[in-house]
């Protein structure tokens, strides 16, 4: 006799294993935690983060080559 299995864990979660059935209060608590974590990281690493963001932007900026037309 086989036992009926309910929805799989995969069906009940969002990407990255986030439960799809949190209450609004639980979701809000996680968002608050993430905000606090972001603030702590920025407090400690602000200058390094700014330097990295600047470097990332410069690496994707199109630099004209000698054979590019001037317009």
PDB file of N, CA and C in Angstrom:
ATOM      1  N   UNK A   1       0.839  -1.169   0.000  1.00  0.00           N
ATOM      2  CA  UNK A   1       0.000   0.000   0.000  1.00  0.00           C
ATOM      3  C   UNK A   1       0.889   1.238   0.000  1.00  0.00           C
ATOM      4  N   UNK A   2       0.694   2.094  -0.960  1.00  0.00           N
ATOM      5  CA  UNK A   2       1.531   3.284  -1.029  1.00  0.00           C
ATOM      6  C   UNK A   2       0.874   4.432  -0.285  1.00  0.00           C
ATOM      7  N   UNK A   3       1.698   5.238   0.302  1.00  0.00           N
ATOM      8  CA  UNK A   3       1.227   6.388   1.055  1.00  0.00           C
ATOM      9  C   UNK A   3       1.212   7.601   0.155  1.00  0.00           C
ATOM     10  N   UNK A   4       0.158   8.424   0.250  1.00  0.00           N
ATOM     11  CA  UNK A   4       0.076   9.645  -0.557  1.00  0.00           C
ATOM     12  C   UNK A   4       0.996  10.701   0.053  1.00  0.00           C
ATOM     13  N   UNK A   5       1.826  11.261  -0.765  1.00  0.00           N
ATOM     14  CA  UNK A   5       2.717  12.322  -0.321  1.00  0.00           C
ATOM     15  C   UNK A   5       2.110  13.663  -0.712  1.00  0.00           C
ATOM     16  N   UNK A   6       2.212  14.630   0.182  1.00  0.00           N
ATOM     17  CA  UNK A   6       1.709  15.970  -0.095  1.00  0.00           C
ATOM     18  C   UNK A   6       2.630  16.681  -1.069  1.00  0.00           C
ATOM     19  N   UNK A   7       2.420  17.979  -1.248  1.00  0.00           N
ATOM     20  CA  UNK A   7       3.271  18.746  -2.157  1.00  0.00           C
ATOM     21  C   UNK A   7       4.734  18.605  -1.757  1.00  0.00           C
ATOM     22  N   UNK A   8       5.565  18.510  -2.736  1.00  0.00           N
ATOM     23  CA  UNK A   8       6.989  18.372  -2.436  1.00  0.00           C
ATOM     24  C   UNK A   8       7.523  19.666  -1.842  1.00  0.00           C
ATOM     25  N   UNK A   9       8.650  19.559  -1.188  1.00  0.00           N
ATOM     26  CA  UNK A   9       9.292  20.738  -0.607  1.00  0.00           C
ATOM     27  C   UNK A   9       9.556  21.783  -1.681  1.00  0.00           C
ATOM     28  N   UNK A  10       9.907  21.317  -2.860  1.00  0.00           N
ATOM     29  CA  UNK A  10      10.179  22.233  -3.968  1.00  0.00           C
ATOM     30  C   UNK A  10       8.934  23.036  -4.356  1.00  0.00           C
ATOM     31  N   UNK A  11       7.765  22.404  -4.288  1.00  0.00           N
ATOM     32  CA  UNK A  11       6.522  23.098  -4.636  1.00  0.00           C
ATOM     33  C   UNK A  11       6.134  24.144  -3.591  1.00  0.00           C
ATOM     34  N   UNK A  12       6.630  24.014  -2.382  1.00  0.00           N
ATOM     35  CA  UNK A  12       6.255  24.920  -1.301  1.00  0.00           C
ATOM     36  C   UNK A  12       7.281  26.008  -1.060  1.00  0.00           C
ATOM     37  N   UNK A  13       8.306  26.103  -1.875  1.00  0.00           N
ATOM     38  CA  UNK A  13       9.350  27.104  -1.666  1.00  0.00           C
ATOM     39  C   UNK A  13       9.523  27.982  -2.890  1.00  0.00           C
ATOM     40  N   UNK A  14      10.036  29.146  -2.649  1.00  0.00           N
ATOM     41  CA  UNK A  14      10.427  30.050  -3.711  1.00  0.00           C
ATOM     42  C   UNK A  14      11.901  29.797  -4.003  1.00  0.00           C
ATOM     43  N   UNK A  15      12.459  30.416  -5.043  1.00  0.00           N
ATOM     44  CA  UNK A  15      13.893  30.218  -5.304  1.00  0.00           C
ATOM     45  C   UNK A  15      14.735  30.493  -4.062  1.00  0.00           C
ATOM     46  N   UNK A  16      15.834  29.806  -3.944  1.00  0.00           N
ATOM     47  CA  UNK A  16      16.778  29.910  -2.841  1.00  0.00           C
ATOM     48  C   UNK A  16      16.228  29.302  -1.552  1.00  0.00           C
ATOM     49  N   UNK A  17      15.217  28.484  -1.643  1.00  0.00           N
ATOM     50  CA  UNK A  17      14.720  27.790  -0.471  1.00  0.00           C
ATOM     51  C   UNK A  17      13.944  28.652   0.503  1.00  0.00           C
ATOM     52  N   UNK A  18      13.407  29.760   0.041  1.00  0.00           N
ATOM     53  CA  UNK A  18      12.601  30.612   0.905  1.00  0.00           C
ATOM     54  C   UNK A  18      11.196  30.018   0.974  1.00  0.00           C
ATOM     55  N   UNK A  19      10.706  29.760   2.174  1.00  0.00           N
ATOM     56  CA  UNK A  19       9.365  29.188   2.274  1.00  0.00           C
ATOM     57  C   UNK A  19       8.326  30.087   1.606  1.00  0.00           C
ATOM     58  N   UNK A  20       7.400  29.482   0.914  1.00  0.00           N
ATOM     59  CA  UNK A  20       6.367  30.239   0.210  1.00  0.00           C
ATOM     60  C   UNK A  20       5.152  30.494   1.093  1.00  0.00           C
ATOM     61  N   UNK A  21       5.205  30.026   2.341  1.00  0.00           N
ATOM     62  CA  UNK A  21       4.038  30.169   3.205  1.00  0.00           C
ATOM     63  C   UNK A  21       4.317  30.995   4.465  1.00  0.00           C
ATOM     64  N   UNK A  22       5.286  31.904   4.405  1.00  0.00           N
ATOM     65  CA  UNK A  22       5.529  32.798   5.537  1.00  0.00           C
ATOM     66  C   UNK A  22       4.314  33.683   5.755  1.00  0.00           C
ATOM     67  N   UNK A  23       4.125  34.075   6.990  1.00  0.00           N
ATOM     68  CA  UNK A  23       3.116  35.085   7.278  1.00  0.00           C
ATOM     69  C   UNK A  23       3.700  36.440   6.890  1.00  0.00           C
ATOM     70  N   UNK A  24       2.872  37.448   6.709  1.00  0.00           N
ATOM     71  CA  UNK A  24       3.411  38.780   6.439  1.00  0.00           C
ATOM     72  C   UNK A  24       4.377  39.240   7.536  1.00  0.00           C
ATOM     73  N   UNK A  25       4.096  38.871   8.765  1.00  0.00           N
ATOM     74  CA  UNK A  25       4.976  39.253   9.873  1.00  0.00           C
ATOM     75  C   UNK A  25       6.349  38.587   9.750  1.00  0.00           C
ATOM     76  N   UNK A  26       6.363  37.314   9.364  1.00  0.00           N
ATOM     77  CA  UNK A  26       7.636  36.614   9.178  1.00  0.00           C
ATOM     78  C   UNK A  26       8.436  37.227   8.032  1.00  0.00           C
ATOM     79  N   UNK A  27       7.767  37.507   6.924  1.00  0.00           N
ATOM     80  CA  UNK A  27       8.453  38.112   5.789  1.00  0.00           C
ATOM     81  C   UNK A  27       9.012  39.478   6.171  1.00  0.00           C
ATOM     82  N   UNK A  28       8.234  40.272   6.898  1.00  0.00           N
ATOM     83  CA  UNK A  28       8.686  41.588   7.326  1.00  0.00           C
ATOM     84  C   UNK A  28       9.890  41.473   8.255  1.00  0.00           C
ATOM     85  N   UNK A  29       9.881  40.499   9.154  1.00  0.00           N
ATOM     86  CA  UNK A  29      11.018  40.296  10.065  1.00  0.00           C
ATOM     87  C   UNK A  29      12.287  39.985   9.283  1.00  0.00           C
ATOM     88  N   UNK A  30      12.178  39.184   8.243  1.00  0.00           N
ATOM     89  CA  UNK A  30      13.349  38.857   7.419  1.00  0.00           C
ATOM     90  C   UNK A  30      13.844  40.104   6.689  1.00  0.00           C
ATOM     91  N   UNK A  31      12.923  40.896   6.152  1.00  0.00           N
ATOM     92  CA  UNK A  31      13.312  42.131   5.460  1.00  0.00           C
ATOM     93  C   UNK A  31      14.020  43.077   6.432  1.00  0.00           C
ATOM     94  N   UNK A  32      13.501  43.189   7.648  1.00  0.00           N
ATOM     95  CA  UNK A  32      14.167  44.028   8.652  1.00  0.00           C
ATOM     96  C   UNK A  32      15.564  43.515   8.967  1.00  0.00           C
ATOM     97  N   UNK A  33      15.706  42.197   9.083  1.00  0.00           N
ATOM     98  CA  UNK A  33      17.016  41.605   9.336  1.00  0.00           C
ATOM     99  C   UNK A  33      17.986  41.928   8.205  1.00  0.00           C
ATOM    100  N   UNK A  34      17.525  41.789   6.970  1.00  0.00           N
ATOM    101  CA  UNK A  34      18.372  42.090   5.817  1.00  0.00           C
ATOM    102  C   UNK A  34      18.779  43.563   5.797  1.00  0.00           C
ATOM    103  N   UNK A  35      17.837  44.443   6.125  1.00  0.00           N
ATOM    104  CA  UNK A  35      18.158  45.876   6.189  1.00  0.00           C
ATOM    105  C   UNK A  35      19.218  46.154   7.246  1.00  0.00           C
ATOM    106  N   UNK A  36      19.079  45.536   8.418  1.00  0.00           N
ATOM    107  CA  UNK A  36      20.060  45.729   9.482  1.00  0.00           C
ATOM    108  C   UNK A  36      21.420  45.160   9.093  1.00  0.00           C
ATOM    109  N   UNK A  37      21.415  44.022   8.436  1.00  0.00           N
ATOM    110  CA  UNK A  37      22.659  43.411   7.972  1.00  0.00           C
ATOM    111  C   UNK A  37      23.340  44.301   6.936  1.00  0.00           C
ATOM    112  N   UNK A  38      22.559  44.843   6.002  1.00  0.00           N
ATOM    113  CA  UNK A  38      23.102  45.750   4.996  1.00  0.00           C
ATOM    114  C   UNK A  38      23.738  46.970   5.670  1.00  0.00           C
ATOM    115  N   UNK A  39      23.050  47.519   6.654  1.00  0.00           N
ATOM    116  CA  UNK A  39      23.567  48.693   7.358  1.00  0.00           C
ATOM    117  C   UNK A  39      24.878  48.379   8.069  1.00  0.00           C
ATOM    118  N   UNK A  40      24.952  47.227   8.726  1.00  0.00           N
ATOM    119  CA  UNK A  40      26.190  46.839   9.406  1.00  0.00           C
ATOM    120  C   UNK A  40      27.340  46.655   8.419  1.00  0.00           C
ATOM    121  N   UNK A  41      27.038  46.018   7.283  1.00  0.00           N
ATOM    122  CA  UNK A  41      28.076  45.800   6.268  1.00  0.00           C
ATOM    123  C   UNK A  41      28.546  47.132   5.707  1.00  0.00           C
ATOM    124  N   UNK A  42      27.617  48.026   5.381  1.00  0.00           N
ATOM    125  CA  UNK A  42      27.999  49.342   4.867  1.00  0.00           C
ATOM    126  C   UNK A  42      28.806  50.121   5.888  1.00  0.00           C
ATOM    127  N   UNK A  43      28.433  50.043   7.158  1.00  0.00           N
ATOM    128  CA  UNK A  43      29.170  50.750   8.199  1.00  0.00           C
ATOM    129  C   UNK A  43      30.621  50.299   8.233  1.00  0.00           C
ATOM    130  N   UNK A  44      30.829  49.018   8.066  1.00  0.00           N
ATOM    131  CA  UNK A  44      32.197  48.483   8.152  1.00  0.00           C
ATOM    132  C   UNK A  44      32.960  48.566   6.827  1.00  0.00           C
ATOM    133  N   UNK A  45      32.283  48.379   5.707  1.00  0.00           N
ATOM    134  CA  UNK A  45      32.953  48.242   4.413  1.00  0.00           C
ATOM    135  C   UNK A  45      32.609  49.332   3.412  1.00  0.00           C
ATOM    136  N   UNK A  46      32.043  50.454   3.846  1.00  0.00           N
ATOM    137  CA  UNK A  46      31.542  51.464   2.915  1.00  0.00           C
ATOM    138  C   UNK A  46      32.567  51.859   1.861  1.00  0.00           C
ATOM    139  N   UNK A  47      33.774  52.200   2.273  1.00  0.00           N
ATOM    140  CA  UNK A  47      34.770  52.676   1.301  1.00  0.00           C
ATOM    141  C   UNK A  47      35.183  51.574   0.328  1.00  0.00           C
ATOM    142  N   UNK A  48      35.335  50.362   0.819  1.00  0.00           N
ATOM    143  CA  UNK A  48      35.693  49.258  -0.072  1.00  0.00           C
ATOM    144  C   UNK A  48      34.558  48.958  -1.057  1.00  0.00           C
ATOM    145  N   UNK A  49      33.326  49.050  -0.575  1.00  0.00           N
ATOM    146  CA  UNK A  49      32.177  48.815  -1.455  1.00  0.00           C
ATOM    147  C   UNK A  49      32.121  49.893  -2.532  1.00  0.00           C
ATOM    148  N   UNK A  50      32.336  51.156  -2.139  1.00  0.00           N
ATOM    149  CA  UNK A  50      32.330  52.245  -3.118  1.00  0.00           C
ATOM    150  C   UNK A  50      33.433  52.051  -4.151  1.00  0.00           C
ATOM    151  N   UNK A  51      34.617  51.664  -3.692  1.00  0.00           N
ATOM    152  CA  UNK A  51      35.725  51.414  -4.624  1.00  0.00           C
ATOM    153  C   UNK A  51      35.374  50.293  -5.600  1.00  0.00           C
ATOM    154  N   UNK A  52      34.770  49.215  -5.085  1.00  0.00           N
ATOM    155  CA  UNK A  52      34.410  48.091  -5.945  1.00  0.00           C
ATOM    156  C   UNK A  52      33.328  48.482  -6.940  1.00  0.00           C
ATOM    157  N   UNK A  53      32.340  49.242  -6.488  1.00  0.00           N
ATOM    158  CA  UNK A  53      31.282  49.694  -7.399  1.00  0.00           C
ATOM    159  C   UNK A  53      31.865  50.587  -8.495  1.00  0.00           C
ATOM    160  N   UNK A  54      32.786  51.449  -8.134  1.00  0.00           N
ATOM    161  CA  UNK A  54      33.431  52.330  -9.109  1.00  0.00           C
ATOM    162  C   UNK A  54      34.213  51.493 -10.123  1.00  0.00           C
ATOM    163  N   UNK A  55      34.944  50.504  -9.636  1.00  0.00           N
ATOM    164  CA  UNK A  55      35.723  49.645 -10.527  1.00  0.00           C
ATOM    165  C   UNK A  55      34.804  48.851 -11.460  1.00  0.00           C
ATOM    166  N   UNK A  56      33.696  48.358 -10.916  1.00  0.00           N
ATOM    167  CA  UNK A  56      32.752  47.601 -11.745  1.00  0.00           C
ATOM    168  C   UNK A  56      32.170  48.471 -12.847  1.00  0.00           C
ATOM    169  N   UNK A  57      31.824  49.699 -12.526  1.00  0.00           N
ATOM    170  CA  UNK A  57      31.256  50.601 -13.535  1.00  0.00           C
ATOM    171  C   UNK A  57      32.285  50.943 -14.612  1.00  0.00           C
ATOM    172  N   UNK A  58      33.524  51.129 -14.204  1.00  0.00           N
ATOM    173  CA  UNK A  58      34.561  51.467 -15.174  1.00  0.00           C
ATOM    174  C   UNK A  58      34.860  50.298 -16.092  1.00  0.00           C
ATOM    175  N   UNK A  59      34.734  49.088 -15.583  1.00  0.00           N
ATOM    176  CA  UNK A  59      35.066  47.925 -16.407  1.00  0.00           C
ATOM    177  C   UNK A  59      34.015  47.677 -17.485  1.00  0.00           C
ATOM    178  N   UNK A  60      32.787  48.162 -17.298  1.00  0.00           N
ATOM    179  CA  UNK A  60      31.754  47.960 -18.312  1.00  0.00           C
ATOM    180  C   UNK A  60      31.547  49.194 -19.179  1.00  0.00           C
ATOM    181  N   UNK A  61      32.204  50.284 -18.858  1.00  0.00           N
ATOM    182  CA  UNK A  61      32.086  51.498 -19.659  1.00  0.00           C
ATOM    183  C   UNK A  61      32.766  51.272 -21.000  1.00  0.00           C
ATOM    184  N   UNK A  62      32.085  51.651 -22.045  1.00  0.00           N
ATOM    185  CA  UNK A  62      32.652  51.488 -23.385  1.00  0.00           C
ATOM    186  C   UNK A  62      33.787  52.483 -23.578  1.00  0.00           C
ATOM    187  N   UNK A  63      34.917  51.969 -23.913  1.00  0.00           N
ATOM    188  CA  UNK A  63      36.060  52.826 -24.201  1.00  0.00           C
ATOM    189  C   UNK A  63      36.281  52.800 -25.703  1.00  0.00           C
ATOM    190  N   UNK A  64      36.253  53.966 -26.358  1.00  0.00           N
ATOM    191  CA  UNK A  64      36.415  53.980 -27.814  1.00  0.00           C
ATOM    192  C   UNK A  64      37.776  53.429 -28.231  1.00  0.00           C
ATOM    193  N   UNK A  65      37.750  52.680 -29.299  1.00  0.00           N
ATOM    194  CA  UNK A  65      39.000  52.188 -29.866  1.00  0.00           C
ATOM    195  C   UNK A  65      39.449  53.171 -30.924  1.00  0.00           C
ATOM    196  N   UNK A  66      40.648  53.045 -31.360  1.00  0.00           N
ATOM    197  CA  UNK A  66      41.194  53.947 -32.382  1.00  0.00           C
ATOM    198  C   UNK A  66      40.406  53.888 -33.683  1.00  0.00           C
ATOM    199  N   UNK A  67      39.828  52.713 -34.006  1.00  0.00           N
ATOM    200  CA  UNK A  67      39.108  52.580 -35.267  1.00  0.00           C
ATOM    201  C   UNK A  67      37.597  52.882 -35.117  1.00  0.00           C
ATOM    202  N   UNK A  68      37.153  53.299 -33.907  1.00  0.00           N
ATOM    203  CA  UNK A  68      35.747  53.695 -33.750  1.00  0.00           C
ATOM    204  C   UNK A  68      35.512  55.052 -34.391  1.00  0.00           C
ATOM    205  N   UNK A  69      34.397  55.216 -35.111  1.00  0.00           N
ATOM    206  CA  UNK A  69      34.080  56.533 -35.672  1.00  0.00           C
ATOM    207  C   UNK A  69      33.818  57.529 -34.547  1.00  0.00           C
ATOM    208  N   UNK A  70      34.052  58.801 -34.771  1.00  0.00           N
ATOM    209  CA  UNK A  70      33.929  59.793 -33.701  1.00  0.00           C
ATOM    210  C   UNK A  70      32.496  60.134 -33.331  1.00  0.00           C
ATOM    211  N   UNK A  71      31.505  59.468 -33.916  1.00  0.00           N
ATOM    212  CA  UNK A  71      30.105  59.770 -33.584  1.00  0.00           C
ATOM    213  C   UNK A  71      29.368  58.554 -33.117  1.00  0.00           C
TER     214      UNK A  71
END
